[in-house]
C-alpha atoms as a PDB file:
ATOM      1  CA  MET A   1      26.946 -36.772  21.557  1.00  0.00           C
ATOM      2  CA  SER A   2      24.023 -37.072  23.977  1.00  0.00           C
ATOM      3  CA  LEU A   3      20.958 -34.844  24.249  1.00  0.00           C
ATOM      4  CA  LEU A   4      19.119 -33.951  27.477  1.00  0.00           C
ATOM      5  CA  ILE A   5      15.417 -33.220  26.870  1.00  0.00           C
ATOM      6  CA  ILE A   6      13.098 -31.544  29.375  1.00  0.00           C
ATOM      7  CA  GLY A   7       9.404 -31.075  28.600  1.00  0.00           C
ATOM      8  CA  SER A   8       5.832 -32.236  28.959  1.00  0.00           C
ATOM      9  CA  ILE A   9       4.402 -35.709  28.455  1.00  0.00           C
ATOM     10  CA  ALA A  10       0.656 -35.885  27.928  1.00  0.00           C
ATOM     11  CA  PHE A  11      -2.410 -37.719  26.740  1.00  0.00           C
ATOM     12  CA  ASP A  12      -4.261 -35.715  24.081  1.00  0.00           C
ATOM     13  CA  THR A  13      -7.808 -35.686  22.767  1.00  0.00           C
ATOM     14  CA  ILE A  14      -7.659 -34.201  19.274  1.00  0.00           C
ATOM     15  CA  GLU A  15     -10.324 -33.371  16.725  1.00  0.00           C
ATOM     16  CA  THR A  16      -9.437 -32.265  13.202  1.00  0.00           C
ATOM     17  CA  PRO A  17     -11.463 -32.052   9.963  1.00  0.00           C
ATOM     18  CA  VAL A  18     -10.168 -35.581   9.264  1.00  0.00           C
ATOM     19  CA  ASP A  19     -11.062 -37.503  12.447  1.00  0.00           C
ATOM     20  CA  LYS A  20     -10.986 -37.505  16.240  1.00  0.00           C
ATOM     21  CA  VAL A  21      -8.819 -39.458  18.704  1.00  0.00           C
ATOM     22  CA  GLU A  22      -9.004 -39.647  22.507  1.00  0.00           C
ATOM     23  CA  ASP A  23      -6.318 -40.129  25.181  1.00  0.00           C
ATOM     24  CA  THR A  24      -3.561 -40.532  22.632  1.00  0.00           C
ATOM     25  CA  LEU A  25       0.127 -40.017  23.408  1.00  0.00           C
ATOM     26  CA  GLY A  26       1.377 -36.416  23.206  1.00  0.00           C
ATOM     27  CA  GLY A  27       3.397 -33.742  24.971  1.00  0.00           C
ATOM     28  CA  SER A  28       6.335 -31.690  23.749  1.00  0.00           C
ATOM     29  CA  ALA A  29       9.029 -33.971  25.174  1.00  0.00           C
ATOM     30  CA  THR A  30       7.425 -37.046  23.622  1.00  0.00           C
ATOM     31  CA  TYR A  31       7.514 -35.691  20.078  1.00  0.00           C
ATOM     32  CA  ILE A  32      11.016 -34.288  20.593  1.00  0.00           C
ATOM     33  CA  CYS A  33      12.376 -37.619  21.849  1.00  0.00           C
ATOM     34  CA  LEU A  34      10.858 -39.653  19.022  1.00  0.00           C
ATOM     35  CA  ALA A  35      12.203 -37.310  16.343  1.00  0.00           C
ATOM     36  CA  ALA A  36      15.639 -36.921  17.953  1.00  0.00           C
ATOM     37  CA  GLY A  37      15.957 -40.677  18.354  1.00  0.00           C
ATOM     38  CA  TYR A  38      16.500 -41.127  14.622  1.00  0.00           C
ATOM     39  CA  PHE A  39      19.769 -39.216  14.949  1.00  0.00           C
ATOM     40  CA  SER A  40      21.193 -38.922  18.463  1.00  0.00           C
ATOM     41  CA  LYS A  41      21.600 -42.345  20.057  1.00  0.00           C
ATOM     42  CA  GLN A  42      21.751 -41.096  23.658  1.00  0.00           C
ATOM     43  CA  ASN A  43      18.690 -39.045  24.544  1.00  0.00           C
ATOM     44  CA  TYR A  44      17.763 -38.478  28.165  1.00  0.00           C
ATOM     45  CA  LEU A  45      14.187 -37.505  29.030  1.00  0.00           C
ATOM     46  CA  VAL A  46      13.287 -35.526  32.153  1.00  0.00           C
ATOM     47  CA  GLY A  47       9.532 -35.272  32.710  1.00  0.00           C
ATOM     48  CA  VAL A  48       6.644 -36.418  34.864  1.00  0.00           C
ATOM     49  CA  VAL A  49       3.717 -38.812  34.354  1.00  0.00           C
ATOM     50  CA  GLY A  50       1.139 -40.578  36.470  1.00  0.00           C
ATOM     51  CA  ASP A  51       0.933 -44.330  36.909  1.00  0.00           C
ATOM     52  CA  ASP A  52      -1.604 -44.350  34.049  1.00  0.00           C
ATOM     53  CA  PHE A  53       1.407 -44.055  31.732  1.00  0.00           C
ATOM     54  CA  ASN A  54       1.739 -47.687  30.743  1.00  0.00           C
ATOM     55  CA  ASN A  55       4.615 -49.966  29.762  1.00  0.00           C
ATOM     56  CA  GLU A  56       3.654 -49.787  26.088  1.00  0.00           C
ATOM     57  CA  HIS A  57       4.538 -46.075  26.009  1.00  0.00           C
ATOM     58  CA  ILE A  58       7.728 -46.604  28.012  1.00  0.00           C
ATOM     59  CA  THR A  59       8.882 -49.389  25.694  1.00  0.00           C
ATOM     60  CA  MET A  60       8.166 -47.310  22.606  1.00  0.00           C
ATOM     61  CA  LEU A  61      10.239 -44.378  23.920  1.00  0.00           C
ATOM     62  CA  GLU A  62      13.093 -46.676  24.869  1.00  0.00           C
ATOM     63  CA  LYS A  63      13.089 -48.189  21.373  1.00  0.00           C
ATOM     64  CA  HIS A  64      13.674 -44.662  20.080  1.00  0.00           C
ATOM     65  CA  ASN A  65      16.928 -44.269  22.014  1.00  0.00           C
ATOM     66  CA  THR A  66      15.331 -42.510  24.992  1.00  0.00           C
ATOM     67  CA  ASP A  67      16.811 -43.120  28.440  1.00  0.00           C
ATOM     68  CA  LEU A  68      14.102 -42.683  31.113  1.00  0.00           C
ATOM     69  CA  GLN A  69      16.156 -42.441  34.301  1.00  0.00           C
ATOM     70  CA  GLY A  70      14.951 -38.818  34.636  1.00  0.00           C
ATOM     71  CA  LEU A  71      11.268 -39.706  34.236  1.00  0.00           C
ATOM     72  CA  GLN A  72       9.244 -39.190  37.410  1.00  0.00           C
ATOM     73  CA  ILE A  73       6.287 -41.596  37.768  1.00  0.00           C
ATOM     74  CA  VAL A  74       3.837 -40.414  40.438  1.00  0.00           C
ATOM     75  CA  LYS A  75       1.996 -43.292  42.056  1.00  0.00           C
ATOM     76  CA  GLY A  76      -1.736 -42.650  42.177  1.00  0.00           C
ATOM     77  CA  GLY A  77      -1.337 -39.618  39.937  1.00  0.00           C
ATOM     78  CA  LYS A  78      -2.747 -38.860  36.504  1.00  0.00           C
ATOM     79  CA  THR A  79      -0.713 -37.789  33.484  1.00  0.00           C
ATOM     80  CA  PHE A  80      -1.233 -34.307  32.005  1.00  0.00           C
ATOM     81  CA  ARG A  81      -4.195 -34.211  29.578  1.00  0.00           C
ATOM     82  CA  TRP A  82      -5.084 -31.728  26.845  1.00  0.00           C
ATOM     83  CA  GLY A  83      -7.923 -31.515  24.352  1.00  0.00           C
ATOM     84  CA  GLY A  84      -8.121 -29.424  21.198  1.00  0.00           C
ATOM     85  CA  ARG A  85     -10.190 -28.943  18.034  1.00  0.00           C
ATOM     86  CA  TYR A  86      -8.584 -27.728  14.802  1.00  0.00           C
ATOM     87  CA  HIS A  87     -10.403 -25.530  12.296  1.00  0.00           C
ATOM     88  CA  GLU A  88     -10.736 -26.330   8.593  1.00  0.00           C
ATOM     89  CA  ASN A  89      -7.457 -24.554   7.786  1.00  0.00           C
ATOM     90  CA  PHE A  90      -5.523 -26.762  10.278  1.00  0.00           C
ATOM     91  CA  ASN A  91      -3.732 -23.628  11.562  1.00  0.00           C
ATOM     92  CA  ASP A  92      -6.263 -22.320  14.065  1.00  0.00           C
ATOM     93  CA  ARG A  93      -7.452 -24.397  16.978  1.00  0.00           C
ATOM     94  CA  ASP A  94      -9.578 -24.177  20.112  1.00  0.00           C
ATOM     95  CA  THR A  95      -8.426 -25.637  23.412  1.00  0.00           C
ATOM     96  CA  LEU A  96     -11.293 -27.709  24.792  1.00  0.00           C
ATOM     97  CA  PHE A  97      -9.741 -28.613  28.139  1.00  0.00           C
ATOM     98  CA  THR A  98      -6.465 -28.651  30.027  1.00  0.00           C
ATOM     99  CA  GLU A  99      -5.910 -30.966  32.990  1.00  0.00           C
ATOM    100  CA  LEU A 100      -2.411 -30.417  34.376  1.00  0.00           C
ATOM    101  CA  ASN A 101      -2.648 -33.256  36.925  1.00  0.00           C
ATOM    102  CA  VAL A 102       0.887 -34.322  38.001  1.00  0.00           C
ATOM    103  CA  PHE A 103       2.409 -31.736  35.653  1.00  0.00           C
ATOM    104  CA  GLU A 104       1.024 -28.962  37.891  1.00  0.00           C
ATOM    105  CA  THR A 105       3.662 -29.674  40.546  1.00  0.00           C
ATOM    106  CA  PHE A 106       6.417 -30.820  38.184  1.00  0.00           C
ATOM    107  CA  ASN A 107       9.877 -30.045  39.545  1.00  0.00           C
ATOM    108  CA  PRO A 108      12.497 -31.123  36.982  1.00  0.00           C
ATOM    109  CA  ILE A 109      15.352 -32.869  38.757  1.00  0.00           C
ATOM    110  CA  ILE A 110      18.391 -33.617  36.615  1.00  0.00           C
ATOM    111  CA  PRO A 111      20.159 -36.818  37.747  1.00  0.00           C
ATOM    112  CA  ASP A 112      23.728 -36.111  38.873  1.00  0.00           C
ATOM    113  CA  ASN A 113      25.232 -38.207  36.070  1.00  0.00           C
ATOM    114  CA  LEU A 114      23.370 -36.164  33.433  1.00  0.00           C
ATOM    115  CA  ARG A 115      24.269 -32.667  34.594  1.00  0.00           C
ATOM    116  CA  LYS A 116      27.280 -32.507  32.269  1.00  0.00           C
ATOM    117  CA  THR A 117      25.309 -33.488  29.158  1.00  0.00           C
ATOM    118  CA  GLU A 118      26.685 -31.364  26.332  1.00  0.00           C
ATOM    119  CA  PHE A 119      23.461 -30.688  24.411  1.00  0.00           C
ATOM    120  CA  VAL A 120      20.378 -29.556  26.367  1.00  0.00           C
ATOM    121  CA  LEU A 121      16.880 -28.962  25.020  1.00  0.00           C
ATOM    122  CA  LEU A 122      14.396 -26.952  27.083  1.00  0.00           C
ATOM    123  CA  GLY A 123      10.946 -27.877  25.817  1.00  0.00           C
ATOM    124  CA  ASN A 124       7.915 -25.646  26.019  1.00  0.00           C
ATOM    125  CA  ILE A 125       7.415 -25.441  29.800  1.00  0.00           C
ATOM    126  CA  ASP A 126       7.056 -22.631  32.365  1.00  0.00           C
ATOM    127  CA  PRO A 127      10.162 -20.349  32.211  1.00  0.00           C
ATOM    128  CA  PRO A 128      10.894 -20.714  35.964  1.00  0.00           C
ATOM    129  CA  LEU A 129      11.150 -24.474  35.374  1.00  0.00           C
ATOM    130  CA  GLN A 130      13.470 -23.859  32.429  1.00  0.00           C
ATOM    131  CA  MET A 131      15.650 -21.658  34.666  1.00  0.00           C
ATOM    132  CA  ASN A 132      15.583 -24.378  37.318  1.00  0.00           C
ATOM    133  CA  VAL A 133      17.096 -26.763  34.770  1.00  0.00           C
ATOM    134  CA  LEU A 134      19.733 -24.222  33.703  1.00  0.00           C
ATOM    135  CA  ASN A 135      20.785 -23.885  37.341  1.00  0.00           C
ATOM    136  CA  GLN A 136      21.362 -27.640  37.570  1.00  0.00           C
ATOM    137  CA  ILE A 137      23.376 -28.303  34.420  1.00  0.00           C
ATOM    138  CA  GLU A 138      27.133 -27.814  34.193  1.00  0.00           C
ATOM    139  CA  LYS A 139      28.841 -26.116  31.226  1.00  0.00           C
ATOM    140  CA  PRO A 140      26.705 -27.428  28.361  1.00  0.00           C
ATOM    141  CA  LYS A 141      28.048 -27.000  24.849  1.00  0.00           C
ATOM    142  CA  PHE A 142      24.721 -25.903  23.347  1.00  0.00           C
ATOM    143  CA  ILE A 143      21.239 -25.120  24.721  1.00  0.00           C
ATOM    144  CA  PHE A 144      18.083 -25.225  22.585  1.00  0.00           C
ATOM    145  CA  CYS A 145      14.936 -23.527  23.917  1.00  0.00           C
ATOM    146  CA  ASP A 146      11.270 -23.469  22.924  1.00  0.00           C
ATOM    147  CA  THR A 147       8.425 -21.385  24.350  1.00  0.00           C
ATOM    148  CA  MET A 148       4.857 -20.297  23.534  1.00  0.00           C
ATOM    149  CA  ASN A 149       2.533 -17.297  23.579  1.00  0.00           C
ATOM    150  CA  LEU A 150       1.135 -18.172  27.028  1.00  0.00           C
ATOM    151  CA  TRP A 151       4.532 -17.755  28.698  1.00  0.00           C
ATOM    152  CA  ILE A 152       5.173 -14.526  26.789  1.00  0.00           C
ATOM    153  CA  ASP A 153       1.846 -13.223  28.130  1.00  0.00           C
ATOM    154  CA  ILE A 154       2.214 -14.205  31.781  1.00  0.00           C
ATOM    155  CA  ARG A 155       5.956 -14.825  32.325  1.00  0.00           C
ATOM    156  CA  LYS A 156       7.678 -12.461  29.921  1.00  0.00           C
ATOM    157  CA  ASN A 157      10.305 -11.152  32.365  1.00  0.00           C
ATOM    158  CA  GLU A 158      11.214 -14.668  33.509  1.00  0.00           C
ATOM    159  CA  LEU A 159      11.321 -15.853  29.900  1.00  0.00           C
ATOM    160  CA  LEU A 160      13.684 -13.034  28.920  1.00  0.00           C
ATOM    161  CA  GLU A 161      16.063 -14.127  31.691  1.00  0.00           C
ATOM    162  CA  VAL A 162      16.064 -17.660  30.262  1.00  0.00           C
ATOM    163  CA  ILE A 163      16.623 -16.380  26.726  1.00  0.00           C
ATOM    164  CA  LYS A 164      19.752 -14.557  27.879  1.00  0.00           C
ATOM    165  CA  LYS A 165      21.342 -17.885  28.856  1.00  0.00           C
ATOM    166  CA  ILE A 166      20.577 -20.080  25.838  1.00  0.00           C
ATOM    167  CA  ASP A 167      22.229 -20.605  22.455  1.00  0.00           C
ATOM    168  CA  MET A 168      19.215 -21.170  20.197  1.00  0.00           C
ATOM    169  CA  LEU A 169      15.607 -19.998  20.527  1.00  0.00           C
ATOM    170  CA  VAL A 170      12.954 -21.672  18.386  1.00  0.00           C
ATOM    171  CA  ILE A 171       9.622 -19.815  18.173  1.00  0.00           C
ATOM    172  CA  ASN A 172       6.922 -18.997  15.638  1.00  0.00           C
ATOM    173  CA  ASP A 173       6.448 -15.691  13.865  1.00  0.00           C
ATOM    174  CA  SER A 174       3.658 -14.356  16.102  1.00  0.00           C
ATOM    175  CA  GLU A 175       5.702 -15.184  19.226  1.00  0.00           C
ATOM    176  CA  SER A 176       8.717 -13.337  17.824  1.00  0.00           C
ATOM    177  CA  LYS A 177       6.584 -10.240  17.384  1.00  0.00           C
ATOM    178  CA  MET A 178       5.120 -10.580  20.892  1.00  0.00           C
ATOM    179  CA  ILE A 179       8.582 -10.749  22.456  1.00  0.00           C
ATOM    180  CA  SER A 180       9.979  -7.834  20.458  1.00  0.00           C
ATOM    181  CA  ASN A 181       6.896  -5.642  19.992  1.00  0.00           C
ATOM    182  CA  GLU A 182       7.977  -5.398  16.360  1.00  0.00           C
ATOM    183  CA  LYS A 183       5.609  -5.975  13.429  1.00  0.00           C
ATOM    184  CA  ASN A 184       8.407  -6.774  10.973  1.00  0.00           C
ATOM    185  CA  ILE A 185       9.805 -10.292  11.377  1.00  0.00           C
ATOM    186  CA  PHE A 186      13.360  -9.219  10.510  1.00  0.00           C
ATOM    187  CA  LYS A 187      13.314  -6.407  13.072  1.00  0.00           C
ATOM    188  CA  ALA A 188      11.894  -8.883  15.578  1.00  0.00           C
ATOM    189  CA  ALA A 189      14.768 -11.275  14.876  1.00  0.00           C
ATOM    190  CA  GLU A 190      17.330  -8.500  15.324  1.00  0.00           C
ATOM    191  CA  TYR A 191      15.789  -7.517  18.666  1.00  0.00           C
ATOM    192  CA  ILE A 192      15.751 -11.094  20.002  1.00  0.00           C
ATOM    193  CA  GLN A 193      19.338 -11.806  18.975  1.00  0.00           C
ATOM    194  CA  LYS A 194      20.470  -8.746  20.923  1.00  0.00           C
ATOM    195  CA  ILE A 195      18.936 -10.267  24.074  1.00  0.00           C
ATOM    196  CA  GLY A 196      21.225 -13.270  23.991  1.00  0.00           C
ATOM    197  CA  PRO A 197      20.705 -16.249  21.662  1.00  0.00           C
ATOM    198  CA  LYS A 198      23.271 -16.399  18.867  1.00  0.00           C
ATOM    199  CA  TYR A 199      20.992 -18.641  16.849  1.00  0.00           C
ATOM    200  CA  LEU A 200      17.302 -17.970  16.210  1.00  0.00           C
ATOM    201  CA  ILE A 201      14.721 -19.972  14.269  1.00  0.00           C
ATOM    202  CA  ILE A 202      11.345 -18.418  13.503  1.00  0.00           C
ATOM    203  CA  LYS A 203       8.801 -20.968  12.305  1.00  0.00           C
ATOM    204  CA  LYS A 204       6.098 -19.943   9.859  1.00  0.00           C
ATOM    205  CA  GLY A 205       3.943 -23.084   9.888  1.00  0.00           C
ATOM    206  CA  GLU A 206       2.969 -24.208   6.389  1.00  0.00           C
ATOM    207  CA  HIS A 207       5.269 -21.495   5.002  1.00  0.00           C
ATOM    208  CA  GLY A 208       8.454 -22.982   6.430  1.00  0.00           C
ATOM    209  CA  ALA A 209      11.026 -21.317   8.687  1.00  0.00           C
ATOM    210  CA  LEU A 210      13.711 -18.622   8.881  1.00  0.00           C
ATOM    211  CA  PHE A 211      17.091 -19.193  10.526  1.00  0.00           C
ATOM    212  CA  PHE A 212      19.152 -16.243  11.773  1.00  0.00           C
ATOM    213  CA  HIS A 213      22.779 -16.276  12.915  1.00  0.00           C
ATOM    214  CA  SER A 214      24.899 -13.144  13.084  1.00  0.00           C
ATOM    215  CA  ASN A 215      24.277 -11.384   9.753  1.00  0.00           C
ATOM    216  CA  LYS A 216      23.293 -14.588   7.940  1.00  0.00           C
ATOM    217  CA  ILE A 217      19.766 -15.727   7.064  1.00  0.00           C
ATOM    218  CA  PHE A 218      18.587 -19.107   5.786  1.00  0.00           C
ATOM    219  CA  THR A 219      15.014 -19.761   4.709  1.00  0.00           C
ATOM    220  CA  ILE A 220      13.306 -23.059   3.952  1.00  0.00           C
ATOM    221  CA  PRO A 221       9.747 -23.938   2.879  1.00  0.00           C
ATOM    222  CA  ALA A 222       7.659 -26.599   4.528  1.00  0.00           C
ATOM    223  CA  TYR A 223       7.644 -30.006   2.877  1.00  0.00           C
ATOM    224  CA  PRO A 224       4.719 -30.055   0.400  1.00  0.00           C
ATOM    225  CA  LEU A 225       1.973 -32.364   1.606  1.00  0.00           C
ATOM    226  CA  LYS A 226      -1.330 -33.166  -0.054  1.00  0.00           C
ATOM    227  CA  LYS A 227      -2.860 -34.655   3.091  1.00  0.00           C
ATOM    228  CA  ILE A 228      -2.640 -33.554   6.722  1.00  0.00           C
ATOM    229  CA  ALA A 229      -4.251 -35.494   9.556  1.00  0.00           C
ATOM    230  CA  ASP A 230      -3.089 -33.765  12.747  1.00  0.00           C
ATOM    231  CA  PRO A 231      -0.758 -30.734  13.173  1.00  0.00           C
ATOM    232  CA  THR A 232      -0.203 -31.445  16.873  1.00  0.00           C
ATOM    233  CA  GLY A 233       3.468 -31.954  17.628  1.00  0.00           C
ATOM    234  CA  ALA A 234       4.759 -30.599  14.304  1.00  0.00           C
ATOM    235  CA  GLY A 235       6.879 -27.891  15.940  1.00  0.00           C
ATOM    236  CA  ASP A 236       8.237 -30.286  18.554  1.00  0.00           C
ATOM    237  CA  SER A 237       9.080 -32.866  15.885  1.00  0.00           C
ATOM    238  CA  PHE A 238      10.897 -30.167  13.933  1.00  0.00           C
ATOM    239  CA  LEU A 239      12.900 -29.217  17.014  1.00  0.00           C
ATOM    240  CA  GLY A 240      13.624 -32.841  17.906  1.00  0.00           C
ATOM    241  CA  GLY A 241      14.881 -33.672  14.435  1.00  0.00           C
ATOM    242  CA  LEU A 242      17.061 -30.560  14.382  1.00  0.00           C
ATOM    243  CA  ALA A 243      18.504 -31.043  17.882  1.00  0.00           C
ATOM    244  CA  GLY A 244      19.052 -34.769  17.382  1.00  0.00           C
ATOM    245  CA  TYR A 245      20.975 -34.138  14.172  1.00  0.00           C
ATOM    246  CA  ILE A 246      23.141 -31.420  15.765  1.00  0.00           C
ATOM    247  CA  ALA A 247      23.884 -33.650  18.772  1.00  0.00           C
ATOM    248  CA  LYS A 248      24.772 -36.552  16.470  1.00  0.00           C
ATOM    249  CA  THR A 249      27.135 -34.518  14.294  1.00  0.00           C
ATOM    250  CA  ASP A 250      28.512 -32.389  17.172  1.00  0.00           C
ATOM    251  CA  ASP A 251      28.758 -29.466  14.751  1.00  0.00           C
ATOM    252  CA  ILE A 252      27.159 -26.083  15.486  1.00  0.00           C
ATOM    253  CA  SER A 253      28.359 -24.328  12.339  1.00  0.00           C
ATOM    254  CA  PHE A 254      25.837 -22.313  10.311  1.00  0.00           C
ATOM    255  CA  GLU A 255      26.067 -24.753   7.387  1.00  0.00           C
ATOM    256  CA  ASN A 256      25.480 -27.830   9.547  1.00  0.00           C
ATOM    257  CA  ILE A 257      22.549 -26.279  11.395  1.00  0.00           C
ATOM    258  CA  LYS A 258      20.989 -25.596   7.991  1.00  0.00           C
ATOM    259  CA  LYS A 259      21.119 -29.351   7.314  1.00  0.00           C
ATOM    260  CA  GLY A 260      19.577 -29.998  10.741  1.00  0.00           C
ATOM    261  CA  ILE A 261      16.730 -27.626   9.906  1.00  0.00           C
ATOM    262  CA  VAL A 262      16.017 -29.575   6.734  1.00  0.00           C
ATOM    263  CA  TYR A 263      15.944 -32.838   8.685  1.00  0.00           C
ATOM    264  CA  GLY A 264      13.682 -31.201  11.281  1.00  0.00           C
ATOM    265  CA  THR A 265      11.347 -30.098   8.492  1.00  0.00           C
ATOM    266  CA  CYS A 266      11.200 -33.675   7.210  1.00  0.00           C
ATOM    267  CA  LEU A 267      10.359 -35.088  10.662  1.00  0.00           C
ATOM    268  CA  ALA A 268       7.601 -32.497  11.101  1.00  0.00           C
ATOM    269  CA  SER A 269       6.107 -33.522   7.748  1.00  0.00           C
ATOM    270  CA  PHE A 270       5.979 -37.186   8.775  1.00  0.00           C
ATOM    271  CA  CYS A 271       4.380 -36.189  12.078  1.00  0.00           C
ATOM    272  CA  VAL A 272       1.396 -34.308  10.611  1.00  0.00           C
ATOM    273  CA  GLU A 273       0.475 -37.081   8.188  1.00  0.00           C
ATOM    274  CA  HIS A 274      -0.938 -39.136  11.082  1.00  0.00           C
ATOM    275  CA  PHE A 275      -2.586 -38.540  14.443  1.00  0.00           C
ATOM    276  CA  SER A 276      -0.545 -38.301  17.615  1.00  0.00           C
ATOM    277  CA  THR A 277       2.934 -39.843  17.430  1.00  0.00           C
ATOM    278  CA  LYS A 278       2.009 -42.515  14.874  1.00  0.00           C
ATOM    279  CA  GLY A 279       3.813 -40.732  12.041  1.00  0.00           C
ATOM    280  CA  LEU A 280       7.098 -40.816  13.974  1.00  0.00           C
ATOM    281  CA  GLU A 281       7.031 -44.279  15.489  1.00  0.00           C
ATOM    282  CA  ASN A 282       8.149 -46.560  12.657  1.00  0.00           C
ATOM    283  CA  LEU A 283      10.213 -44.563  10.179  1.00  0.00           C
ATOM    284  CA  SER A 284      13.360 -45.794   8.483  1.00  0.00           C
ATOM    285  CA  MET A 285      16.406 -43.633   7.815  1.00  0.00           C
ATOM    286  CA  GLU A 286      15.892 -44.405   4.127  1.00  0.00           C
ATOM    287  CA  GLU A 287      12.446 -42.744   4.265  1.00  0.00           C
ATOM    288  CA  ILE A 288      13.840 -39.750   6.147  1.00  0.00           C
ATOM    289  CA  ASN A 289      16.807 -39.343   3.803  1.00  0.00           C
ATOM    290  CA  ASN A 290      14.595 -39.656   0.719  1.00  0.00           C
ATOM    291  CA  ARG A 291      12.488 -36.774   1.959  1.00  0.00           C
ATOM    292  CA  TYR A 292      15.661 -34.822   2.852  1.00  0.00           C
ATOM    293  CA  TYR A 293      16.936 -35.108  -0.719  1.00  0.00           C
ATOM    294  CA  GLU A 294      13.517 -34.162  -2.068  1.00  0.00           C
ATOM    295  CA  MET A 295      13.756 -30.975   0.008  1.00  0.00           C
ATOM    296  CA  LYS A 296      17.233 -30.375  -1.387  1.00  0.00           C
ATOM    297  CA  GLU A 297      15.926 -30.630  -4.957  1.00  0.00           C
ATOM    298  CA  LEU A 298      13.043 -28.316  -4.141  1.00  0.00           C
ATOM    299  CA  THR A 299      15.277 -25.560  -2.835  1.00  0.00           C
ATOM    300  CA  GLU A 300      18.268 -25.677  -5.214  1.00  0.00           C
ATOM    301  CA  PHE A 301      18.430 -23.525  -8.315  1.00  0.00           C
END
């Protein structure tokens, strides 16, 4: 099955305790597409870039099974840029600059032939834009949704309206508590599920993730890594791997989503071992499956 992906595409300047890179490829949709491309073979990207987004980037996305008919290229415009510096613990970071550029006026337009795509992924963008997409698509089988603390702060009511219409929400633990006003993560999960999404994943960074569906809970650790270069894009890679696997298998059962979460965890681990998208660009399914079975051995008893 195919997967429709809506999100940001950016050039990032990133500084970590390991090194610093400038104007390197980033954005939520970019990481999602690269990770999903190892599973789903028909991924459609809807986003916006300036004409500084070169053919090298376009070719690389296309090689990862990404169809770009929904990509808007603004002549004379500049692609969204973001800069950040990570602290020694790799969890905390400071935003150094944000230049929205063409992303400031982004209006996601879903091509007519893609409006019946069965699996839809709403990346981390402004909730009114997410709702705009939901108003354009026709009877999707499953909708994934991501968000962030900024939108909870300034667009909470609009975000709650989006959450009512989706199937799976993927957020981190602090965001779950912000949405629910609950300090306990399990109470937060119960509150969010009552709003609408039948499936909820709460990410806990280096401590893994929790998956909630009905009265069932699945928990998984992060893949153990001795070296981390750049955490940027880890959450998006996780979501891309998960969504790509679910779209490929066309199976939204609890047991199959658990497998997708493990694959998402593996893709996130490859991502953080290198800067930018480099950790996702040239993987083999053998490498991904080896790490999947390592995770299986780690969690069985």
